Amino acid sequence: MKIPATVAAITSVTAINERNGEATVLALTTDYTRRGRLLYGLYSHSMVEVAFTVTAAIPVEVVALVAGIVANTISGPPVGASSEQAGPFLVSYVNSSGKVWLSDSDKLILSPWMQTKTAVSLL
C-alpha cells in the first residue's frame, strides 16, 4: 500500500473484516512494515484503514489550482438548459453540467501528490 509523501507518522493501521465489520489494530514490524512511502505485509487483509499525521501544509500549487477551479465554477454560466428561437428556427442547448473536471495540465500539476489506485476485491 502506498501512502502520501507528506506522512510524518502512522498513528494506527487497522484491518477490517469485510464480512462482519470487525476491526483489528495491526502492530508495526509484526503485522506490517513501513519502507518510505510503502507499507508491506498487508496483502492478507482485504480492507485496511491507515490513520496518520501529516508533516507539511497544503502545497501552494494545490491551493492555486483549487482556487482557480472554484473561481471558474463560480464565474461560469448557470447550470440548466436554454433555448432560443429566431423565426422558424429553434436551438436548445445545455449551459453546463455543473460538474468540475480536471484537465490534463491540472493532473500534471497534481501528480506529485496523487496516490495510485488500490486494487478492488471482487469476491
PDB file of N, CA and C in Angstrom:
ATOM      1  N   MET A   1       0.855  -1.166   0.000  1.00  0.00           N
ATOM      2  CA  MET A   1       0.000   0.000   0.000  1.00  0.00           C
ATOM      3  C   MET A   1       0.902   1.229   0.000  1.00  0.00           C
ATOM      4  N   LYS A   2       0.556   2.219  -0.812  1.00  0.00           N
ATOM      5  CA  LYS A   2       1.331   3.446  -0.912  1.00  0.00           C
ATOM      6  C   LYS A   2       0.641   4.544  -0.105  1.00  0.00           C
ATOM      7  N   ILE A   3       1.416   5.281   0.682  1.00  0.00           N
ATOM      8  CA  ILE A   3       0.877   6.375   1.486  1.00  0.00           C
ATOM      9  C   ILE A   3       1.407   7.697   0.943  1.00  0.00           C
ATOM     10  N   PRO A   4       0.756   8.832   1.269  1.00  0.00           N
ATOM     11  CA  PRO A   4       1.221  10.129   0.771  1.00  0.00           C
ATOM     12  C   PRO A   4       2.639  10.457   1.238  1.00  0.00           C
ATOM     13  N   ALA A   5       3.346  11.265   0.459  1.00  0.00           N
ATOM     14  CA  ALA A   5       4.725  11.624   0.778  1.00  0.00           C
ATOM     15  C   ALA A   5       4.825  12.504   2.017  1.00  0.00           C
ATOM     16  N   THR A   6       3.747  13.178   2.383  1.00  0.00           N
ATOM     17  CA  THR A   6       3.790  14.120   3.497  1.00  0.00           C
ATOM     18  C   THR A   6       3.467  13.488   4.845  1.00  0.00           C
ATOM     19  N   VAL A   7       3.402  12.150   4.927  1.00  0.00           N
ATOM     20  CA  VAL A   7       3.078  11.475   6.187  1.00  0.00           C
ATOM     21  C   VAL A   7       4.260  11.587   7.143  1.00  0.00           C
ATOM     22  N   ALA A   8       3.995  12.132   8.346  1.00  0.00           N
ATOM     23  CA  ALA A   8       5.026  12.241   9.378  1.00  0.00           C
ATOM     24  C   ALA A   8       5.088  10.959  10.185  1.00  0.00           C
ATOM     25  N   ALA A   9       3.951  10.499  10.648  1.00  0.00           N
ATOM     26  CA  ALA A   9       3.899   9.291  11.463  1.00  0.00           C
ATOM     27  C   ALA A   9       2.579   8.583  11.236  1.00  0.00           C
ATOM     28  N   ILE A  10       2.618   7.263  11.299  1.00  0.00           N
ATOM     29  CA  ILE A  10       1.400   6.470  11.187  1.00  0.00           C
ATOM     30  C   ILE A  10       0.868   6.281  12.601  1.00  0.00           C
ATOM     31  N   THR A  11      -0.367   6.719  12.818  1.00  0.00           N
ATOM     32  CA  THR A  11      -0.988   6.614  14.134  1.00  0.00           C
ATOM     33  C   THR A  11      -1.469   5.192  14.390  1.00  0.00           C
ATOM     34  N   SER A  12      -2.160   4.613  13.402  1.00  0.00           N
ATOM     35  CA  SER A  12      -2.632   3.237  13.540  1.00  0.00           C
ATOM     36  C   SER A  12      -2.927   2.646  12.173  1.00  0.00           C
ATOM     37  N   VAL A  13      -2.831   1.325  12.109  1.00  0.00           N
ATOM     38  CA  VAL A  13      -3.226   0.574  10.924  1.00  0.00           C
ATOM     39  C   VAL A  13      -4.223  -0.469  11.404  1.00  0.00           C
ATOM     40  N   THR A  14      -5.416  -0.448  10.813  1.00  0.00           N
ATOM     41  CA  THR A  14      -6.496  -1.328  11.254  1.00  0.00           C
ATOM     42  C   THR A  14      -6.977  -2.177  10.091  1.00  0.00           C
ATOM     43  N   ALA A  15      -7.032  -3.496  10.307  1.00  0.00           N
ATOM     44  CA  ALA A  15      -7.599  -4.411   9.317  1.00  0.00           C
ATOM     45  C   ALA A  15      -9.082  -4.553   9.621  1.00  0.00           C
ATOM     46  N   ILE A  16      -9.912  -4.487   8.579  1.00  0.00           N
ATOM     47  CA  ILE A  16     -11.359  -4.578   8.751  1.00  0.00           C
ATOM     48  C   ILE A  16     -11.874  -5.803   8.022  1.00  0.00           C
ATOM     49  N   ASN A  17     -12.570  -6.661   8.752  1.00  0.00           N
ATOM     50  CA  ASN A  17     -13.152  -7.862   8.179  1.00  0.00           C
ATOM     51  C   ASN A  17     -14.357  -7.459   7.338  1.00  0.00           C
ATOM     52  N   GLU A  18     -14.343  -7.796   6.043  1.00  0.00           N
ATOM     53  CA  GLU A  18     -15.430  -7.411   5.136  1.00  0.00           C
ATOM     54  C   GLU A  18     -16.756  -8.064   5.494  1.00  0.00           C
ATOM     55  N   ARG A  19     -16.716  -9.233   6.079  1.00  0.00           N
ATOM     56  CA  ARG A  19     -17.949  -9.977   6.330  1.00  0.00           C
ATOM     57  C   ARG A  19     -18.705  -9.498   7.553  1.00  0.00           C
ATOM     58  N   ASN A  20     -17.973  -9.228   8.653  1.00  0.00           N
ATOM     59  CA  ASN A  20     -18.678  -8.842   9.876  1.00  0.00           C
ATOM     60  C   ASN A  20     -18.329  -7.437  10.365  1.00  0.00           C
ATOM     61  N   GLY A  21     -17.418  -6.750   9.688  1.00  0.00           N
ATOM     62  CA  GLY A  21     -17.053  -5.388  10.071  1.00  0.00           C
ATOM     63  C   GLY A  21     -16.138  -5.293  11.272  1.00  0.00           C
ATOM     64  N   GLU A  22     -15.642  -6.406  11.747  1.00  0.00           N
ATOM     65  CA  GLU A  22     -14.760  -6.413  12.918  1.00  0.00           C
ATOM     66  C   GLU A  22     -13.418  -5.767  12.574  1.00  0.00           C
ATOM     67  N   ALA A  23     -12.955  -4.867  13.458  1.00  0.00           N
ATOM     68  CA  ALA A  23     -11.702  -4.145  13.236  1.00  0.00           C
ATOM     69  C   ALA A  23     -10.627  -4.689  14.166  1.00  0.00           C
ATOM     70  N   THR A  24      -9.427  -4.912  13.607  1.00  0.00           N
ATOM     71  CA  THR A  24      -8.289  -5.388  14.379  1.00  0.00           C
ATOM     72  C   THR A  24      -7.118  -4.451  14.137  1.00  0.00           C
ATOM     73  N   VAL A  25      -6.573  -3.877  15.218  1.00  0.00           N
ATOM     74  CA  VAL A  25      -5.423  -2.982  15.092  1.00  0.00           C
ATOM     75  C   VAL A  25      -4.176  -3.825  14.859  1.00  0.00           C
ATOM     76  N   LEU A  26      -3.393  -3.454  13.834  1.00  0.00           N
ATOM     77  CA  LEU A  26      -2.193  -4.199  13.481  1.00  0.00           C
ATOM     78  C   LEU A  26      -0.969  -3.565  14.142  1.00  0.00           C
ATOM     79  N   ALA A  27       0.010  -4.389  14.447  1.00  0.00           N
ATOM     80  CA  ALA A  27       1.224  -3.908  15.108  1.00  0.00           C
ATOM     81  C   ALA A  27       2.349  -3.745  14.093  1.00  0.00           C
ATOM     82  N   LEU A  28       3.105  -2.651  14.224  1.00  0.00           N
ATOM     83  CA  LEU A  28       4.259  -2.398  13.356  1.00  0.00           C
ATOM     84  C   LEU A  28       5.300  -3.479  13.570  1.00  0.00           C
ATOM     85  N   THR A  29       5.955  -3.892  12.529  1.00  0.00           N
ATOM     86  CA  THR A  29       7.014  -4.908  12.440  1.00  0.00           C
ATOM     87  C   THR A  29       6.488  -6.335  12.532  1.00  0.00           C
ATOM     88  N   THR A  30       5.424  -6.623  13.267  1.00  0.00           N
ATOM     89  CA  THR A  30       4.918  -7.993  13.289  1.00  0.00           C
ATOM     90  C   THR A  30       3.822  -8.207  12.256  1.00  0.00           C
ATOM     91  N   ASP A  31       2.972  -7.195  12.029  1.00  0.00           N
ATOM     92  CA  ASP A  31       1.875  -7.339  11.075  1.00  0.00           C
ATOM     93  C   ASP A  31       2.115  -6.600   9.764  1.00  0.00           C
ATOM     94  N   TYR A  32       2.953  -5.564   9.780  1.00  0.00           N
ATOM     95  CA  TYR A  32       3.284  -4.829   8.566  1.00  0.00           C
ATOM     96  C   TYR A  32       4.615  -4.118   8.766  1.00  0.00           C
ATOM     97  N   THR A  33       5.208  -3.681   7.639  1.00  0.00           N
ATOM     98  CA  THR A  33       6.486  -2.980   7.656  1.00  0.00           C
ATOM     99  C   THR A  33       6.357  -1.732   6.803  1.00  0.00           C
ATOM    100  N   ARG A  34       6.938  -0.616   7.279  1.00  0.00           N
ATOM    101  CA  ARG A  34       6.943   0.623   6.501  1.00  0.00           C
ATOM    102  C   ARG A  34       8.338   0.868   5.962  1.00  0.00           C
ATOM    103  N   ARG A  35       8.411   1.078   4.653  1.00  0.00           N
ATOM    104  CA  ARG A  35       9.666   1.463   4.000  1.00  0.00           C
ATOM    105  C   ARG A  35       9.367   2.665   3.131  1.00  0.00           C
ATOM    106  N   GLY A  36       9.698   3.859   3.630  1.00  0.00           N
ATOM    107  CA  GLY A  36       9.414   5.089   2.901  1.00  0.00           C
ATOM    108  C   GLY A  36       7.928   5.304   2.781  1.00  0.00           C
ATOM    109  N   ARG A  37       7.428   5.351   1.538  1.00  0.00           N
ATOM    110  CA  ARG A  37       6.001   5.579   1.288  1.00  0.00           C
ATOM    111  C   ARG A  37       5.201   4.289   1.160  1.00  0.00           C
ATOM    112  N   LEU A  38       5.841   3.141   1.310  1.00  0.00           N
ATOM    113  CA  LEU A  38       5.147   1.867   1.107  1.00  0.00           C
ATOM    114  C   LEU A  38       4.977   1.101   2.409  1.00  0.00           C
ATOM    115  N   LEU A  39       3.799   0.470   2.552  1.00  0.00           N
ATOM    116  CA  LEU A  39       3.522  -0.417   3.672  1.00  0.00           C
ATOM    117  C   LEU A  39       3.467  -1.835   3.123  1.00  0.00           C
ATOM    118  N   TYR A  40       4.284  -2.725   3.679  1.00  0.00           N
ATOM    119  CA  TYR A  40       4.359  -4.112   3.227  1.00  0.00           C
ATOM    120  C   TYR A  40       3.721  -5.030   4.261  1.00  0.00           C
ATOM    121  N   GLY A  41       3.235  -6.179   3.800  1.00  0.00           N
ATOM    122  CA  GLY A  41       2.679  -7.188   4.688  1.00  0.00           C
ATOM    123  C   GLY A  41       1.185  -7.073   4.894  1.00  0.00           C
ATOM    124  N   LEU A  42       0.535  -6.201   4.156  1.00  0.00           N
ATOM    125  CA  LEU A  42      -0.911  -6.014   4.319  1.00  0.00           C
ATOM    126  C   LEU A  42      -1.710  -6.789   3.280  1.00  0.00           C
ATOM    127  N   TYR A  43      -1.030  -7.560   2.433  1.00  0.00           N
ATOM    128  CA  TYR A  43      -1.694  -8.256   1.339  1.00  0.00           C
ATOM    129  C   TYR A  43      -2.726  -9.278   1.823  1.00  0.00           C
ATOM    130  N   SER A  44      -2.580  -9.799   3.029  1.00  0.00           N
ATOM    131  CA  SER A  44      -3.512 -10.816   3.521  1.00  0.00           C
ATOM    132  C   SER A  44      -4.819 -10.200   4.031  1.00  0.00           C
ATOM    133  N   HIS A  45      -4.865  -8.882   4.141  1.00  0.00           N
ATOM    134  CA  HIS A  45      -6.064  -8.189   4.615  1.00  0.00           C
ATOM    135  C   HIS A  45      -6.729  -7.507   3.433  1.00  0.00           C
ATOM    136  N   SER A  46      -8.015  -7.778   3.226  1.00  0.00           N
ATOM    137  CA  SER A  46      -8.702  -7.200   2.070  1.00  0.00           C
ATOM    138  C   SER A  46      -9.030  -5.726   2.257  1.00  0.00           C
ATOM    139  N   MET A  47      -9.316  -5.305   3.501  1.00  0.00           N
ATOM    140  CA  MET A  47      -9.612  -3.895   3.760  1.00  0.00           C
ATOM    141  C   MET A  47      -8.737  -3.412   4.911  1.00  0.00           C
ATOM    142  N   VAL A  48      -8.050  -2.287   4.678  1.00  0.00           N
ATOM    143  CA  VAL A  48      -7.153  -1.734   5.685  1.00  0.00           C
ATOM    144  C   VAL A  48      -7.408  -0.243   5.801  1.00  0.00           C
ATOM    145  N   GLU A  49      -7.474   0.250   7.039  1.00  0.00           N
ATOM    146  CA  GLU A  49      -7.622   1.683   7.291  1.00  0.00           C
ATOM    147  C   GLU A  49      -6.334   2.173   7.937  1.00  0.00           C
ATOM    148  N   VAL A  50      -5.741   3.236   7.376  1.00  0.00           N
ATOM    149  CA  VAL A  50      -4.498   3.786   7.888  1.00  0.00           C
ATOM    150  C   VAL A  50      -4.763   5.195   8.408  1.00  0.00           C
ATOM    151  N   ALA A  51      -4.448   5.431   9.694  1.00  0.00           N
ATOM    152  CA  ALA A  51      -4.556   6.768  10.276  1.00  0.00           C
ATOM    153  C   ALA A  51      -3.145   7.311  10.428  1.00  0.00           C
ATOM    154  N   PHE A  52      -2.932   8.579  10.014  1.00  0.00           N
ATOM    155  CA  PHE A  52      -1.595   9.135  10.062  1.00  0.00           C
ATOM    156  C   PHE A  52      -1.631  10.635  10.291  1.00  0.00           C
ATOM    157  N   THR A  53      -0.473  11.196  10.648  1.00  0.00           N
ATOM    158  CA  THR A  53      -0.328  12.644  10.779  1.00  0.00           C
ATOM    159  C   THR A  53       0.496  13.145   9.604  1.00  0.00           C
ATOM    160  N   VAL A  54       0.260  14.397   9.229  1.00  0.00           N
ATOM    161  CA  VAL A  54       0.906  14.981   8.054  1.00  0.00           C
ATOM    162  C   VAL A  54       1.923  16.027   8.489  1.00  0.00           C
ATOM    163  N   THR A  55       3.063  16.055   7.795  1.00  0.00           N
ATOM    164  CA  THR A  55       4.133  16.984   8.164  1.00  0.00           C
ATOM    165  C   THR A  55       3.974  18.362   7.563  1.00  0.00           C
ATOM    166  N   ALA A  56       3.563  18.426   6.333  1.00  0.00           N
ATOM    167  CA  ALA A  56       3.586  19.701   5.612  1.00  0.00           C
ATOM    168  C   ALA A  56       2.182  20.260   5.419  1.00  0.00           C
ATOM    169  N   ALA A  57       2.134  21.567   5.245  1.00  0.00           N
ATOM    170  CA  ALA A  57       0.870  22.217   4.903  1.00  0.00           C
ATOM    171  C   ALA A  57       0.528  21.887   3.454  1.00  0.00           C
ATOM    172  N   ILE A  58      -0.641  22.286   3.033  1.00  0.00           N
ATOM    173  CA  ILE A  58      -1.046  22.042   1.651  1.00  0.00           C
ATOM    174  C   ILE A  58      -0.126  22.833   0.722  1.00  0.00           C
ATOM    175  N   PRO A  59       0.445  22.189  -0.297  1.00  0.00           N
ATOM    176  CA  PRO A  59       1.359  22.879  -1.210  1.00  0.00           C
ATOM    177  C   PRO A  59       0.683  24.039  -1.936  1.00  0.00           C
ATOM    178  N   VAL A  60       1.452  25.094  -2.211  1.00  0.00           N
ATOM    179  CA  VAL A  60       0.901  26.287  -2.862  1.00  0.00           C
ATOM    180  C   VAL A  60       0.348  25.962  -4.254  1.00  0.00           C
ATOM    181  N   GLU A  61       0.933  24.986  -4.942  1.00  0.00           N
ATOM    182  CA  GLU A  61       0.444  24.607  -6.269  1.00  0.00           C
ATOM    183  C   GLU A  61      -0.981  24.064  -6.182  1.00  0.00           C
ATOM    184  N   VAL A  62      -1.248  23.261  -5.158  1.00  0.00           N
ATOM    185  CA  VAL A  62      -2.581  22.679  -4.981  1.00  0.00           C
ATOM    186  C   VAL A  62      -3.578  23.771  -4.603  1.00  0.00           C
ATOM    187  N   VAL A  63      -3.188  24.672  -3.703  1.00  0.00           N
ATOM    188  CA  VAL A  63      -4.057  25.778  -3.302  1.00  0.00           C
ATOM    189  C   VAL A  63      -4.419  26.636  -4.519  1.00  0.00           C
ATOM    190  N   ALA A  64      -3.425  26.971  -5.347  1.00  0.00           N
ATOM    191  CA  ALA A  64      -3.672  27.801  -6.530  1.00  0.00           C
ATOM    192  C   ALA A  64      -4.589  27.093  -7.523  1.00  0.00           C
ATOM    193  N   LEU A  65      -4.376  25.796  -7.729  1.00  0.00           N
ATOM    194  CA  LEU A  65      -5.201  25.029  -8.666  1.00  0.00           C
ATOM    195  C   LEU A  65      -6.652  24.970  -8.188  1.00  0.00           C
ATOM    196  N   VAL A  66      -6.860  24.663  -6.917  1.00  0.00           N
ATOM    197  CA  VAL A  66      -8.223  24.573  -6.375  1.00  0.00           C
ATOM    198  C   VAL A  66      -8.907  25.939  -6.407  1.00  0.00           C
ATOM    199  N   ALA A  67      -8.170  26.996  -6.063  1.00  0.00           N
ATOM    200  CA  ALA A  67      -8.747  28.345  -6.113  1.00  0.00           C
ATOM    201  C   ALA A  67      -9.171  28.696  -7.539  1.00  0.00           C
ATOM    202  N   GLY A  68      -8.371  28.333  -8.527  1.00  0.00           N
ATOM    203  CA  GLY A  68      -8.719  28.587  -9.926  1.00  0.00           C
ATOM    204  C   GLY A  68      -9.957  27.824 -10.358  1.00  0.00           C
ATOM    205  N   ILE A  69     -10.073  26.562  -9.935  1.00  0.00           N
ATOM    206  CA  ILE A  69     -11.243  25.752 -10.283  1.00  0.00           C
ATOM    207  C   ILE A  69     -12.498  26.352  -9.650  1.00  0.00           C
ATOM    208  N   VAL A  70     -12.398  26.764  -8.381  1.00  0.00           N
ATOM    209  CA  VAL A  70     -13.543  27.373  -7.708  1.00  0.00           C
ATOM    210  C   VAL A  70     -13.940  28.673  -8.404  1.00  0.00           C
ATOM    211  N   ALA A  71     -12.967  29.510  -8.742  1.00  0.00           N
ATOM    212  CA  ALA A  71     -13.261  30.777  -9.417  1.00  0.00           C
ATOM    213  C   ALA A  71     -13.923  30.542 -10.764  1.00  0.00           C
ATOM    214  N   ASN A  72     -13.437  29.584 -11.535  1.00  0.00           N
ATOM    215  CA  ASN A  72     -14.042  29.272 -12.836  1.00  0.00           C
ATOM    216  C   ASN A  72     -15.462  28.741 -12.682  1.00  0.00           C
ATOM    217  N   THR A  73     -15.694  27.933 -11.652  1.00  0.00           N
ATOM    218  CA  THR A  73     -17.023  27.376 -11.429  1.00  0.00           C
ATOM    219  C   THR A  73     -18.014  28.466 -11.027  1.00  0.00           C
ATOM    220  N   ILE A  74     -17.577  29.359 -10.145  1.00  0.00           N
ATOM    221  CA  ILE A  74     -18.463  30.430  -9.682  1.00  0.00           C
ATOM    222  C   ILE A  74     -18.771  31.419 -10.805  1.00  0.00           C
ATOM    223  N   SER A  75     -17.766  31.734 -11.614  1.00  0.00           N
ATOM    224  CA  SER A  75     -17.972  32.735 -12.669  1.00  0.00           C
ATOM    225  C   SER A  75     -18.581  32.146 -13.938  1.00  0.00           C
ATOM    226  N   GLY A  76     -18.749  30.835 -13.978  1.00  0.00           N
ATOM    227  CA  GLY A  76     -19.295  30.184 -15.167  1.00  0.00           C
ATOM    228  C   GLY A  76     -20.772  30.449 -15.339  1.00  0.00           C
ATOM    229  N   PRO A  77     -21.318  30.054 -16.487  1.00  0.00           N
ATOM    230  CA  PRO A  77     -22.747  30.260 -16.747  1.00  0.00           C
ATOM    231  C   PRO A  77     -23.589  29.407 -15.807  1.00  0.00           C
ATOM    232  N   PRO A  78     -24.830  29.793 -15.578  1.00  0.00           N
ATOM    233  CA  PRO A  78     -25.695  28.999 -14.703  1.00  0.00           C
ATOM    234  C   PRO A  78     -25.975  27.626 -15.315  1.00  0.00           C
ATOM    235  N   VAL A  79     -26.212  26.671 -14.457  1.00  0.00           N
ATOM    236  CA  VAL A  79     -26.490  25.314 -14.905  1.00  0.00           C
ATOM    237  C   VAL A  79     -27.945  25.239 -15.360  1.00  0.00           C
ATOM    238  N   GLY A  80     -28.160  24.580 -16.482  1.00  0.00           N
ATOM    239  CA  GLY A  80     -29.527  24.386 -16.961  1.00  0.00           C
ATOM    240  C   GLY A  80     -29.598  24.412 -18.470  1.00  0.00           C
ATOM    241  N   ALA A  81     -30.771  24.107 -18.976  1.00  0.00           N
ATOM    242  CA  ALA A  81     -30.983  24.089 -20.417  1.00  0.00           C
ATOM    243  C   ALA A  81     -31.555  25.436 -20.864  1.00  0.00           C
ATOM    244  N   SER A  82     -31.147  25.853 -22.042  1.00  0.00           N
ATOM    245  CA  SER A  82     -31.645  27.103 -22.618  1.00  0.00           C
ATOM    246  C   SER A  82     -32.095  26.830 -24.050  1.00  0.00           C
ATOM    247  N   SER A  83     -32.971  27.682 -24.523  1.00  0.00           N
ATOM    248  CA  SER A  83     -33.376  27.566 -25.923  1.00  0.00           C
ATOM    249  C   SER A  83     -33.596  28.966 -26.483  1.00  0.00           C
ATOM    250  N   GLU A  84     -33.333  29.095 -27.769  1.00  0.00           N
ATOM    251  CA  GLU A  84     -33.517  30.366 -28.468  1.00  0.00           C
ATOM    252  C   GLU A  84     -34.265  30.089 -29.760  1.00  0.00           C
ATOM    253  N   GLN A  85     -35.082  31.067 -30.160  1.00  0.00           N
ATOM    254  CA  GLN A  85     -35.863  30.887 -31.377  1.00  0.00           C
ATOM    255  C   GLN A  85     -35.746  32.146 -32.227  1.00  0.00           C
ATOM    256  N   ALA A  86     -35.521  31.930 -33.505  1.00  0.00           N
ATOM    257  CA  ALA A  86     -35.493  33.025 -34.477  1.00  0.00           C
ATOM    258  C   ALA A  86     -36.341  32.576 -35.656  1.00  0.00           C
ATOM    259  N   GLY A  87     -37.545  33.078 -35.727  1.00  0.00           N
ATOM    260  CA  GLY A  87     -38.456  32.656 -36.791  1.00  0.00           C
ATOM    261  C   GLY A  87     -38.796  31.194 -36.631  1.00  0.00           C
ATOM    262  N   PRO A  88     -38.648  30.414 -37.702  1.00  0.00           N
ATOM    263  CA  PRO A  88     -38.985  29.002 -37.615  1.00  0.00           C
ATOM    264  C   PRO A  88     -37.854  28.150 -37.010  1.00  0.00           C
ATOM    265  N   PHE A  89     -36.736  28.784 -36.674  1.00  0.00           N
ATOM    266  CA  PHE A  89     -35.582  28.032 -36.186  1.00  0.00           C
ATOM    267  C   PHE A  89     -35.533  28.041 -34.660  1.00  0.00           C
ATOM    268  N   LEU A  90     -35.327  26.865 -34.075  1.00  0.00           N
ATOM    269  CA  LEU A  90     -35.259  26.718 -32.632  1.00  0.00           C
ATOM    270  C   LEU A  90     -33.980  25.969 -32.264  1.00  0.00           C
ATOM    271  N   VAL A  91     -33.226  26.519 -31.331  1.00  0.00           N
ATOM    272  CA  VAL A  91     -31.982  25.889 -30.880  1.00  0.00           C
ATOM    273  C   VAL A  91     -32.070  25.693 -29.375  1.00  0.00           C
ATOM    274  N   SER A  92     -31.750  24.500 -28.903  1.00  0.00           N
ATOM    275  CA  SER A  92     -31.705  24.201 -27.471  1.00  0.00           C
ATOM    276  C   SER A  92     -30.313  23.697 -27.126  1.00  0.00           C
ATOM    277  N   TYR A  93     -29.830  24.058 -25.965  1.00  0.00           N
ATOM    278  CA  TYR A  93     -28.511  23.602 -25.525  1.00  0.00           C
ATOM    279  C   TYR A  93     -28.425  23.658 -24.013  1.00  0.00           C
ATOM    280  N   VAL A  94     -27.432  22.967 -23.474  1.00  0.00           N
ATOM    281  CA  VAL A  94     -27.188  22.939 -22.032  1.00  0.00           C
ATOM    282  C   VAL A  94     -26.002  23.839 -21.754  1.00  0.00           C
ATOM    283  N   ASN A  95     -26.166  24.750 -20.783  1.00  0.00           N
ATOM    284  CA  ASN A  95     -25.085  25.682 -20.449  1.00  0.00           C
ATOM    285  C   ASN A  95     -23.902  24.988 -19.793  1.00  0.00           C
ATOM    286  N   SER A  96     -24.159  24.110 -18.844  1.00  0.00           N
ATOM    287  CA  SER A  96     -23.080  23.447 -18.114  1.00  0.00           C
ATOM    288  C   SER A  96     -23.639  22.219 -17.419  1.00  0.00           C
ATOM    289  N   SER A  97     -22.789  21.248 -17.219  1.00  0.00           N
ATOM    290  CA  SER A  97     -23.228  20.057 -16.486  1.00  0.00           C
ATOM    291  C   SER A  97     -23.189  20.302 -14.986  1.00  0.00           C
ATOM    292  N   GLY A  98     -22.476  21.365 -14.563  1.00  0.00           N
ATOM    293  CA  GLY A  98     -22.352  21.649 -13.147  1.00  0.00           C
ATOM    294  C   GLY A  98     -21.235  20.867 -12.474  1.00  0.00           C
ATOM    295  N   LYS A  99     -20.599  19.964 -13.204  1.00  0.00           N
ATOM    296  CA  LYS A  99     -19.508  19.160 -12.645  1.00  0.00           C
ATOM    297  C   LYS A  99     -18.174  19.778 -13.009  1.00  0.00           C
ATOM    298  N   VAL A 100     -17.203  19.565 -12.151  1.00  0.00           N
ATOM    299  CA  VAL A 100     -15.858  20.078 -12.381  1.00  0.00           C
ATOM    300  C   VAL A 100     -14.960  18.905 -12.765  1.00  0.00           C
ATOM    301  N   TRP A 101     -14.220  19.071 -13.838  1.00  0.00           N
ATOM    302  CA  TRP A 101     -13.307  18.028 -14.304  1.00  0.00           C
ATOM    303  C   TRP A 101     -11.893  18.580 -14.321  1.00  0.00           C
ATOM    304  N   LEU A 102     -10.914  17.744 -14.005  1.00  0.00           N
ATOM    305  CA  LEU A 102      -9.514  18.149 -14.059  1.00  0.00           C
ATOM    306  C   LEU A 102      -9.002  17.985 -15.484  1.00  0.00           C
ATOM    307  N   SER A 103      -8.322  19.010 -15.982  1.00  0.00           N
ATOM    308  CA  SER A 103      -7.711  18.924 -17.308  1.00  0.00           C
ATOM    309  C   SER A 103      -6.414  18.131 -17.192  1.00  0.00           C
ATOM    310  N   ASP A 104      -5.816  17.808 -18.339  1.00  0.00           N
ATOM    311  CA  ASP A 104      -4.537  17.090 -18.333  1.00  0.00           C
ATOM    312  C   ASP A 104      -3.453  17.906 -17.633  1.00  0.00           C
ATOM    313  N   SER A 105      -3.459  19.234 -17.836  1.00  0.00           N
ATOM    314  CA  SER A 105      -2.446  20.065 -17.173  1.00  0.00           C
ATOM    315  C   SER A 105      -2.696  20.117 -15.663  1.00  0.00           C
ATOM    316  N   ASP A 106      -3.972  20.095 -15.226  1.00  0.00           N
ATOM    317  CA  ASP A 106      -4.281  20.042 -13.794  1.00  0.00           C
ATOM    318  C   ASP A 106      -3.742  18.754 -13.184  1.00  0.00           C
ATOM    319  N   LYS A 107      -3.955  17.638 -13.881  1.00  0.00           N
ATOM    320  CA  LYS A 107      -3.475  16.340 -13.390  1.00  0.00           C
ATOM    321  C   LYS A 107      -1.955  16.311 -13.319  1.00  0.00           C
ATOM    322  N   LEU A 108      -1.294  16.956 -14.280  1.00  0.00           N
ATOM    323  CA  LEU A 108       0.171  17.023 -14.266  1.00  0.00           C
ATOM    324  C   LEU A 108       0.663  17.805 -13.051  1.00  0.00           C
ATOM    325  N   ILE A 109      -0.008  18.923 -12.741  1.00  0.00           N
ATOM    326  CA  ILE A 109       0.362  19.726 -11.571  1.00  0.00           C
ATOM    327  C   ILE A 109       0.174  18.920 -10.285  1.00  0.00           C
ATOM    328  N   LEU A 110      -0.905  18.136 -10.214  1.00  0.00           N
ATOM    329  CA  LEU A 110      -1.214  17.366  -9.011  1.00  0.00           C
ATOM    330  C   LEU A 110      -0.472  16.037  -8.914  1.00  0.00           C
ATOM    331  N   SER A 111       0.199  15.601  -9.962  1.00  0.00           N
ATOM    332  CA  SER A 111       0.810  14.273  -9.995  1.00  0.00           C
ATOM    333  C   SER A 111       1.760  13.960  -8.833  1.00  0.00           C
ATOM    334  N   PRO A 112       2.550  14.910  -8.307  1.00  0.00           N
ATOM    335  CA  PRO A 112       3.402  14.543  -7.172  1.00  0.00           C
ATOM    336  C   PRO A 112       2.623  14.157  -5.915  1.00  0.00           C
ATOM    337  N   TRP A 113       1.355  14.559  -5.821  1.00  0.00           N
ATOM    338  CA  TRP A 113       0.576  14.289  -4.614  1.00  0.00           C
ATOM    339  C   TRP A 113      -0.523  13.276  -4.832  1.00  0.00           C
ATOM    340  N   MET A 114      -0.654  12.735  -6.025  1.00  0.00           N
ATOM    341  CA  MET A 114      -1.710  11.768  -6.305  1.00  0.00           C
ATOM    342  C   MET A 114      -1.258  10.365  -5.872  1.00  0.00           C
ATOM    343  N   GLN A 115      -2.215   9.608  -5.330  1.00  0.00           N
ATOM    344  CA  GLN A 115      -1.935   8.236  -4.939  1.00  0.00           C
ATOM    345  C   GLN A 115      -2.376   7.297  -6.049  1.00  0.00           C
ATOM    346  N   THR A 116      -1.686   6.180  -6.150  1.00  0.00           N
ATOM    347  CA  THR A 116      -2.098   5.182  -7.128  1.00  0.00           C
ATOM    348  C   THR A 116      -3.392   4.538  -6.647  1.00  0.00           C
ATOM    349  N   LYS A 117      -4.184   4.071  -7.581  1.00  0.00           N
ATOM    350  CA  LYS A 117      -5.443   3.434  -7.239  1.00  0.00           C
ATOM    351  C   LYS A 117      -5.169   2.052  -6.672  1.00  0.00           C
ATOM    352  N   THR A 118      -5.886   1.718  -5.621  1.00  0.00           N
ATOM    353  CA  THR A 118      -5.710   0.396  -4.997  1.00  0.00           C
ATOM    354  C   THR A 118      -6.565  -0.631  -5.719  1.00  0.00           C
ATOM    355  N   ALA A 119      -6.196  -1.879  -5.572  1.00  0.00           N
ATOM    356  CA  ALA A 119      -6.966  -2.964  -6.170  1.00  0.00           C
ATOM    357  C   ALA A 119      -8.275  -3.130  -5.416  1.00  0.00           C
ATOM    358  N   VAL A 120      -9.305  -3.542  -6.120  1.00  0.00           N
ATOM    359  CA  VAL A 120     -10.614  -3.741  -5.531  1.00  0.00           C
ATOM    360  C   VAL A 120     -10.919  -5.233  -5.508  1.00  0.00           C
ATOM    361  N   SER A 121     -11.338  -5.728  -4.357  1.00  0.00           N
ATOM    362  CA  SER A 121     -11.707  -7.133  -4.228  1.00  0.00           C
ATOM    363  C   SER A 121     -13.084  -7.350  -4.828  1.00  0.00           C
ATOM    364  N   LEU A 122     -13.198  -8.298  -5.729  1.00  0.00           N
ATOM    365  CA  LEU A 122     -14.478  -8.576  -6.377  1.00  0.00           C
ATOM    366  C   LEU A 122     -15.169  -9.800  -5.784  1.00  0.00           C
ATOM    367  N   LEU A 123     -14.652 -10.321  -4.697  1.00  0.00           N
ATOM    368  CA  LEU A 123     -15.260 -11.504  -4.079  1.00  0.00           C
ATOM    369  C   LEU A 123     -16.345 -11.133  -3.124  1.00  0.00           C
TER     370      LEU A 123
END
